[in-house]
Amino acid sequence: MAYPNCLYIVCGDSSGRNRNALVKEQDINNYYKVIKKQLKLNAGQLQYIQNPLIENNQVLVNFCFKFLDIKINPQKCHQLVFDIEFGEILPEGKLKKGDREDVKQQLDALDTMRYFFNRYFGHLNPIK
């Protein structure tokens, strides 16, 4: 509502396309369809991709921070800064996200940034 004349692009991972009992309407059965309906978007405004392996994604994120001019506002993006500072990689190479009650393991802002990088800069990943 704050940006009524903007073109919205909704991106994320393909798990949002999974069937779900979100609402009773037969044709609204996943998160993307709910978002599309609520924001009155067309299909082209929904851009989701399959998540790459975390090892490949890690390389892409590091590549983006090294070679692109990325600036993160610490006041407006404090949750992202927190996730970047405290997010952990387990020995097997996965993100430590097992406990939703632990704020250091939620990593929602970090996931959002990773999806953005995957969608718009994935072609730059030195590991395909």
N, C-alpha and C. Protein backbone atom coordinates (compact mmCIF):
# COMPACT_ATOMS: atom_id res chain seq x y z
N MET A 1 0.82 -1.19 0.00
CA MET A 1 0.00 0.00 0.00
C MET A 1 0.86 1.25 0.00
N ALA A 2 2.10 1.16 0.53
CA ALA A 2 2.97 2.32 0.59
C ALA A 2 3.53 2.69 -0.78
N TYR A 3 3.53 1.75 -1.72
CA TYR A 3 4.10 1.98 -3.05
C TYR A 3 3.10 1.56 -4.12
N PRO A 4 2.01 2.31 -4.28
CA PRO A 4 0.92 1.87 -5.14
C PRO A 4 1.25 1.82 -6.63
N ASN A 5 2.20 2.58 -7.10
CA ASN A 5 2.48 2.63 -8.53
C ASN A 5 3.75 1.88 -8.91
N CYS A 6 4.19 0.99 -8.06
CA CYS A 6 5.42 0.24 -8.32
C CYS A 6 5.10 -1.10 -8.98
N LEU A 7 6.07 -1.59 -9.72
CA LEU A 7 5.98 -2.94 -10.28
C LEU A 7 6.60 -3.88 -9.26
N TYR A 8 5.83 -4.80 -8.75
CA TYR A 8 6.32 -5.76 -7.77
C TYR A 8 6.77 -7.03 -8.46
N ILE A 9 7.94 -7.51 -8.06
CA ILE A 9 8.46 -8.80 -8.49
C ILE A 9 8.63 -9.64 -7.22
N VAL A 10 7.96 -10.76 -7.16
CA VAL A 10 8.04 -11.64 -6.00
C VAL A 10 8.96 -12.79 -6.37
N CYS A 11 10.04 -12.94 -5.61
CA CYS A 11 10.95 -14.05 -5.91
C CYS A 11 11.22 -14.83 -4.63
N GLY A 12 11.65 -16.04 -4.81
CA GLY A 12 11.93 -16.92 -3.69
C GLY A 12 12.28 -18.29 -4.23
N ASP A 13 12.25 -19.27 -3.36
CA ASP A 13 12.60 -20.61 -3.81
C ASP A 13 11.35 -21.37 -4.22
N SER A 14 11.55 -22.48 -4.88
CA SER A 14 10.42 -23.23 -5.43
C SER A 14 9.59 -23.94 -4.38
N SER A 15 10.03 -23.97 -3.12
CA SER A 15 9.23 -24.65 -2.09
C SER A 15 7.89 -23.94 -1.88
N GLY A 16 7.80 -22.65 -2.20
CA GLY A 16 6.55 -21.93 -2.08
C GLY A 16 5.49 -22.39 -3.07
N ARG A 17 5.89 -23.19 -4.06
CA ARG A 17 4.94 -23.73 -5.03
C ARG A 17 4.32 -25.04 -4.56
N ASN A 18 4.83 -25.60 -3.47
CA ASN A 18 4.28 -26.86 -2.96
C ASN A 18 2.82 -26.69 -2.60
N ARG A 19 2.05 -27.73 -2.88
CA ARG A 19 0.62 -27.68 -2.53
C ARG A 19 0.49 -27.58 -1.02
N ASN A 20 -0.52 -26.84 -0.61
CA ASN A 20 -0.69 -26.54 0.79
C ASN A 20 -2.16 -26.28 1.04
N ALA A 21 -2.62 -26.59 2.21
CA ALA A 21 -4.03 -26.34 2.55
C ALA A 21 -4.16 -24.94 3.17
N LEU A 22 -3.69 -23.93 2.45
CA LEU A 22 -3.70 -22.57 2.98
C LEU A 22 -5.10 -21.98 3.06
N VAL A 23 -5.83 -22.12 1.99
CA VAL A 23 -7.17 -21.55 1.93
C VAL A 23 -8.11 -22.59 1.34
N LYS A 24 -9.38 -22.35 1.46
CA LYS A 24 -10.35 -23.34 1.01
C LYS A 24 -10.59 -23.33 -0.49
N GLU A 25 -10.18 -22.26 -1.18
CA GLU A 25 -10.40 -22.20 -2.62
C GLU A 25 -9.54 -23.25 -3.32
N GLN A 26 -10.12 -23.97 -4.23
CA GLN A 26 -9.45 -25.08 -4.91
C GLN A 26 -8.23 -24.61 -5.70
N ASP A 27 -8.31 -23.46 -6.35
CA ASP A 27 -7.22 -23.01 -7.21
C ASP A 27 -6.15 -22.21 -6.46
N ILE A 28 -6.33 -21.94 -5.18
CA ILE A 28 -5.35 -21.20 -4.38
C ILE A 28 -4.76 -22.20 -3.38
N ASN A 29 -3.73 -22.93 -3.80
CA ASN A 29 -3.23 -24.01 -2.96
C ASN A 29 -1.73 -23.95 -2.69
N ASN A 30 -1.09 -22.79 -2.95
CA ASN A 30 0.31 -22.64 -2.54
C ASN A 30 0.58 -21.16 -2.23
N TYR A 31 1.70 -20.89 -1.61
CA TYR A 31 2.01 -19.54 -1.15
C TYR A 31 2.07 -18.53 -2.29
N TYR A 32 2.64 -18.92 -3.43
CA TYR A 32 2.75 -17.99 -4.54
C TYR A 32 1.38 -17.59 -5.09
N LYS A 33 0.45 -18.52 -5.11
CA LYS A 33 -0.90 -18.19 -5.59
C LYS A 33 -1.61 -17.24 -4.62
N VAL A 34 -1.37 -17.41 -3.33
CA VAL A 34 -1.95 -16.50 -2.34
C VAL A 34 -1.37 -15.11 -2.53
N ILE A 35 -0.05 -15.01 -2.66
CA ILE A 35 0.60 -13.71 -2.86
C ILE A 35 0.10 -13.06 -4.14
N LYS A 36 0.03 -13.87 -5.21
CA LYS A 36 -0.43 -13.35 -6.51
C LYS A 36 -1.84 -12.77 -6.39
N LYS A 37 -2.71 -13.49 -5.73
CA LYS A 37 -4.09 -13.04 -5.59
C LYS A 37 -4.19 -11.80 -4.70
N GLN A 38 -3.52 -11.83 -3.56
CA GLN A 38 -3.63 -10.71 -2.61
C GLN A 38 -3.06 -9.42 -3.18
N LEU A 39 -1.97 -9.51 -3.94
CA LEU A 39 -1.33 -8.31 -4.50
C LEU A 39 -1.80 -8.00 -5.93
N LYS A 40 -2.70 -8.85 -6.44
CA LYS A 40 -3.24 -8.67 -7.80
C LYS A 40 -2.10 -8.60 -8.83
N LEU A 41 -1.25 -9.61 -8.80
CA LEU A 41 -0.10 -9.69 -9.69
C LEU A 41 -0.41 -10.56 -10.89
N ASN A 42 0.39 -10.43 -11.94
CA ASN A 42 0.28 -11.38 -13.05
C ASN A 42 1.38 -12.42 -12.90
N ALA A 43 1.29 -13.48 -13.66
CA ALA A 43 2.21 -14.61 -13.52
C ALA A 43 3.67 -14.20 -13.70
N GLY A 44 3.94 -13.24 -14.58
CA GLY A 44 5.31 -12.80 -14.82
C GLY A 44 5.96 -12.10 -13.64
N GLN A 45 5.15 -11.69 -12.68
CA GLN A 45 5.69 -11.02 -11.50
C GLN A 45 6.13 -12.00 -10.42
N LEU A 46 5.88 -13.28 -10.63
CA LEU A 46 6.32 -14.32 -9.70
C LEU A 46 7.53 -15.01 -10.31
N GLN A 47 8.67 -14.89 -9.66
CA GLN A 47 9.90 -15.45 -10.20
C GLN A 47 10.59 -16.30 -9.14
N TYR A 48 10.41 -17.59 -9.24
CA TYR A 48 11.01 -18.49 -8.27
C TYR A 48 11.91 -19.48 -8.99
N ILE A 49 12.91 -19.91 -8.28
CA ILE A 49 13.88 -20.85 -8.84
C ILE A 49 14.15 -21.94 -7.80
N GLN A 50 14.72 -23.02 -8.28
CA GLN A 50 15.12 -24.09 -7.37
C GLN A 50 16.37 -23.65 -6.62
N ASN A 51 16.42 -23.93 -5.34
CA ASN A 51 17.60 -23.59 -4.57
C ASN A 51 18.80 -24.40 -5.02
N PRO A 52 19.95 -23.75 -5.21
CA PRO A 52 21.16 -24.52 -5.50
C PRO A 52 21.67 -25.18 -4.23
N LEU A 53 22.60 -26.09 -4.37
CA LEU A 53 23.25 -26.68 -3.20
C LEU A 53 23.89 -25.55 -2.40
N ILE A 54 23.87 -25.68 -1.07
CA ILE A 54 24.38 -24.60 -0.21
C ILE A 54 25.86 -24.33 -0.52
N GLU A 55 26.62 -25.35 -0.90
CA GLU A 55 28.03 -25.15 -1.23
C GLU A 55 28.16 -24.21 -2.44
N ASN A 56 27.35 -24.42 -3.46
CA ASN A 56 27.37 -23.54 -4.63
C ASN A 56 26.87 -22.15 -4.28
N ASN A 57 25.84 -22.10 -3.45
CA ASN A 57 25.28 -20.82 -3.05
C ASN A 57 26.28 -20.01 -2.24
N GLN A 58 27.03 -20.69 -1.40
CA GLN A 58 28.04 -20.03 -0.59
C GLN A 58 29.07 -19.35 -1.49
N VAL A 59 29.47 -20.02 -2.54
CA VAL A 59 30.43 -19.45 -3.49
C VAL A 59 29.83 -18.22 -4.16
N LEU A 60 28.57 -18.32 -4.59
CA LEU A 60 27.91 -17.19 -5.24
C LEU A 60 27.81 -15.99 -4.30
N VAL A 61 27.37 -16.20 -3.07
CA VAL A 61 27.22 -15.10 -2.11
C VAL A 61 28.58 -14.44 -1.86
N ASN A 62 29.62 -15.25 -1.66
CA ASN A 62 30.95 -14.69 -1.45
C ASN A 62 31.43 -13.93 -2.68
N PHE A 63 31.15 -14.47 -3.87
CA PHE A 63 31.52 -13.82 -5.12
C PHE A 63 30.83 -12.45 -5.22
N CYS A 64 29.54 -12.42 -4.92
CA CYS A 64 28.78 -11.17 -5.00
C CYS A 64 29.34 -10.12 -4.05
N PHE A 65 29.65 -10.52 -2.83
CA PHE A 65 30.19 -9.56 -1.87
C PHE A 65 31.59 -9.08 -2.26
N LYS A 66 32.34 -9.94 -2.92
CA LYS A 66 33.70 -9.55 -3.31
C LYS A 66 33.70 -8.65 -4.55
N PHE A 67 32.87 -8.98 -5.55
CA PHE A 67 33.00 -8.31 -6.84
C PHE A 67 31.89 -7.31 -7.18
N LEU A 68 30.80 -7.31 -6.44
CA LEU A 68 29.71 -6.37 -6.70
C LEU A 68 29.73 -5.29 -5.61
N ASP A 69 29.25 -4.13 -5.94
CA ASP A 69 29.22 -3.02 -4.98
C ASP A 69 27.95 -3.12 -4.13
N ILE A 70 27.99 -4.00 -3.15
CA ILE A 70 26.82 -4.26 -2.30
C ILE A 70 26.95 -3.44 -1.02
N LYS A 71 25.89 -2.72 -0.74
CA LYS A 71 25.84 -1.94 0.49
C LYS A 71 24.59 -2.37 1.26
N ILE A 72 24.75 -2.60 2.55
CA ILE A 72 23.63 -3.01 3.40
C ILE A 72 23.46 -1.94 4.47
N ASN A 73 22.28 -1.35 4.54
CA ASN A 73 21.99 -0.33 5.53
C ASN A 73 21.83 -0.99 6.89
N PRO A 74 22.72 -0.69 7.84
CA PRO A 74 22.66 -1.40 9.13
C PRO A 74 21.42 -1.08 9.96
N GLN A 75 20.80 0.09 9.74
CA GLN A 75 19.59 0.42 10.49
C GLN A 75 18.36 -0.24 9.87
N LYS A 76 18.23 -0.15 8.56
CA LYS A 76 17.04 -0.70 7.90
C LYS A 76 17.14 -2.20 7.67
N CYS A 77 18.32 -2.73 7.67
CA CYS A 77 18.53 -4.17 7.40
C CYS A 77 19.23 -4.84 8.58
N HIS A 78 18.88 -4.44 9.79
CA HIS A 78 19.56 -4.97 10.97
C HIS A 78 19.42 -6.48 11.09
N GLN A 79 18.28 -7.05 10.67
CA GLN A 79 18.11 -8.51 10.76
C GLN A 79 19.05 -9.22 9.80
N LEU A 80 19.24 -8.68 8.61
CA LEU A 80 20.18 -9.26 7.65
C LEU A 80 21.60 -9.19 8.19
N VAL A 81 21.98 -8.04 8.74
CA VAL A 81 23.32 -7.90 9.33
C VAL A 81 23.50 -8.94 10.44
N PHE A 82 22.48 -9.11 11.28
CA PHE A 82 22.53 -10.10 12.36
C PHE A 82 22.74 -11.50 11.78
N ASP A 83 21.94 -11.86 10.76
CA ASP A 83 22.05 -13.19 10.17
C ASP A 83 23.42 -13.42 9.56
N ILE A 84 23.96 -12.42 8.88
CA ILE A 84 25.29 -12.55 8.27
C ILE A 84 26.35 -12.74 9.34
N GLU A 85 26.22 -12.00 10.43
CA GLU A 85 27.22 -12.09 11.51
C GLU A 85 27.14 -13.40 12.28
N PHE A 86 25.91 -13.92 12.49
CA PHE A 86 25.76 -15.06 13.40
C PHE A 86 25.38 -16.38 12.72
N GLY A 87 25.07 -16.35 11.43
CA GLY A 87 24.74 -17.60 10.74
C GLY A 87 25.94 -18.54 10.72
N GLU A 88 25.67 -19.82 10.83
CA GLU A 88 26.75 -20.82 10.88
C GLU A 88 26.55 -21.88 9.80
N ILE A 89 27.66 -22.40 9.34
CA ILE A 89 27.67 -23.54 8.43
C ILE A 89 28.10 -24.76 9.24
N LEU A 90 27.33 -25.83 9.16
CA LEU A 90 27.66 -27.07 9.85
C LEU A 90 28.79 -27.79 9.12
N PRO A 91 29.47 -28.72 9.80
CA PRO A 91 30.59 -29.44 9.16
C PRO A 91 30.20 -30.13 7.84
N GLU A 92 28.95 -30.57 7.72
CA GLU A 92 28.52 -31.24 6.49
C GLU A 92 28.16 -30.24 5.39
N GLY A 93 28.32 -28.93 5.66
CA GLY A 93 28.11 -27.91 4.63
C GLY A 93 26.74 -27.28 4.59
N LYS A 94 25.85 -27.63 5.50
CA LYS A 94 24.51 -27.06 5.52
C LYS A 94 24.46 -25.88 6.50
N LEU A 95 23.50 -24.97 6.27
CA LEU A 95 23.29 -23.89 7.23
C LEU A 95 22.72 -24.46 8.52
N LYS A 96 23.15 -23.94 9.64
CA LYS A 96 22.62 -24.37 10.94
C LYS A 96 21.28 -23.68 11.16
N LYS A 97 20.18 -24.41 10.88
CA LYS A 97 18.83 -23.85 10.95
C LYS A 97 17.86 -24.81 11.63
N GLY A 98 18.32 -25.64 12.52
CA GLY A 98 17.47 -26.68 13.09
C GLY A 98 16.51 -26.22 14.17
N ASP A 99 16.76 -25.08 14.80
CA ASP A 99 15.96 -24.65 15.95
C ASP A 99 15.35 -23.29 15.68
N ARG A 100 14.07 -23.25 15.29
CA ARG A 100 13.39 -21.98 14.98
C ARG A 100 13.28 -21.06 16.20
N GLU A 101 13.40 -21.61 17.41
CA GLU A 101 13.34 -20.79 18.62
C GLU A 101 14.63 -20.00 18.84
N ASP A 102 15.73 -20.45 18.26
CA ASP A 102 17.03 -19.79 18.39
C ASP A 102 17.15 -18.74 17.28
N VAL A 103 17.19 -17.45 17.64
CA VAL A 103 17.22 -16.39 16.62
C VAL A 103 18.45 -16.50 15.72
N LYS A 104 19.53 -17.11 16.21
CA LYS A 104 20.73 -17.28 15.40
C LYS A 104 20.56 -18.36 14.34
N GLN A 105 19.50 -19.17 14.46
CA GLN A 105 19.26 -20.24 13.49
C GLN A 105 18.07 -19.97 12.57
N GLN A 106 17.39 -18.87 12.75
CA GLN A 106 16.23 -18.59 11.89
C GLN A 106 16.67 -18.22 10.48
N LEU A 107 17.57 -17.29 10.34
CA LEU A 107 18.21 -16.92 9.07
C LEU A 107 17.24 -16.55 7.95
N ASP A 108 16.08 -16.02 8.30
CA ASP A 108 15.09 -15.65 7.28
C ASP A 108 15.58 -14.52 6.38
N ALA A 109 16.22 -13.51 6.96
CA ALA A 109 16.73 -12.40 6.14
C ALA A 109 17.88 -12.88 5.25
N LEU A 110 18.73 -13.74 5.79
CA LEU A 110 19.82 -14.30 4.99
C LEU A 110 19.27 -15.13 3.84
N ASP A 111 18.25 -15.93 4.10
CA ASP A 111 17.63 -16.71 3.02
C ASP A 111 17.08 -15.80 1.93
N THR A 112 16.44 -14.71 2.34
CA THR A 112 15.89 -13.76 1.37
C THR A 112 17.00 -13.18 0.49
N MET A 113 18.11 -12.81 1.10
CA MET A 113 19.24 -12.29 0.34
C MET A 113 19.79 -13.36 -0.61
N ARG A 114 19.90 -14.59 -0.11
CA ARG A 114 20.41 -15.68 -0.96
C ARG A 114 19.50 -15.92 -2.15
N TYR A 115 18.17 -15.90 -1.94
CA TYR A 115 17.23 -16.09 -3.05
C TYR A 115 17.38 -14.97 -4.08
N PHE A 116 17.56 -13.75 -3.59
CA PHE A 116 17.75 -12.61 -4.49
C PHE A 116 19.02 -12.80 -5.32
N PHE A 117 20.12 -13.14 -4.65
CA PHE A 117 21.37 -13.38 -5.37
C PHE A 117 21.22 -14.51 -6.38
N ASN A 118 20.58 -15.62 -5.97
CA ASN A 118 20.39 -16.76 -6.87
C ASN A 118 19.60 -16.34 -8.10
N ARG A 119 18.53 -15.57 -7.89
CA ARG A 119 17.65 -15.19 -8.99
C ARG A 119 18.31 -14.21 -9.95
N TYR A 120 18.99 -13.20 -9.41
CA TYR A 120 19.48 -12.12 -10.26
C TYR A 120 20.98 -12.16 -10.57
N PHE A 121 21.74 -12.94 -9.82
CA PHE A 121 23.17 -13.02 -10.07
C PHE A 121 23.68 -14.45 -10.21
N GLY A 122 22.77 -15.42 -10.21
CA GLY A 122 23.17 -16.83 -10.29
C GLY A 122 24.03 -17.14 -11.49
N HIS A 123 23.83 -16.42 -12.59
CA HIS A 123 24.61 -16.63 -13.80
C HIS A 123 26.09 -16.27 -13.61
N LEU A 124 26.42 -15.53 -12.54
CA LEU A 124 27.81 -15.15 -12.26
C LEU A 124 28.55 -16.21 -11.44
N ASN A 125 27.80 -17.20 -10.94
CA ASN A 125 28.42 -18.19 -10.04
C ASN A 125 29.53 -18.94 -10.76
N PRO A 126 30.76 -18.89 -10.22
CA PRO A 126 31.85 -19.63 -10.86
C PRO A 126 31.65 -21.15 -10.80
N ILE A 127 30.80 -21.62 -9.87
CA ILE A 127 30.48 -23.04 -9.78
C ILE A 127 29.07 -23.22 -10.33
N LYS A 128 28.92 -24.00 -11.36
CA LYS A 128 27.58 -24.21 -11.95
C LYS A 128 27.01 -25.52 -11.50
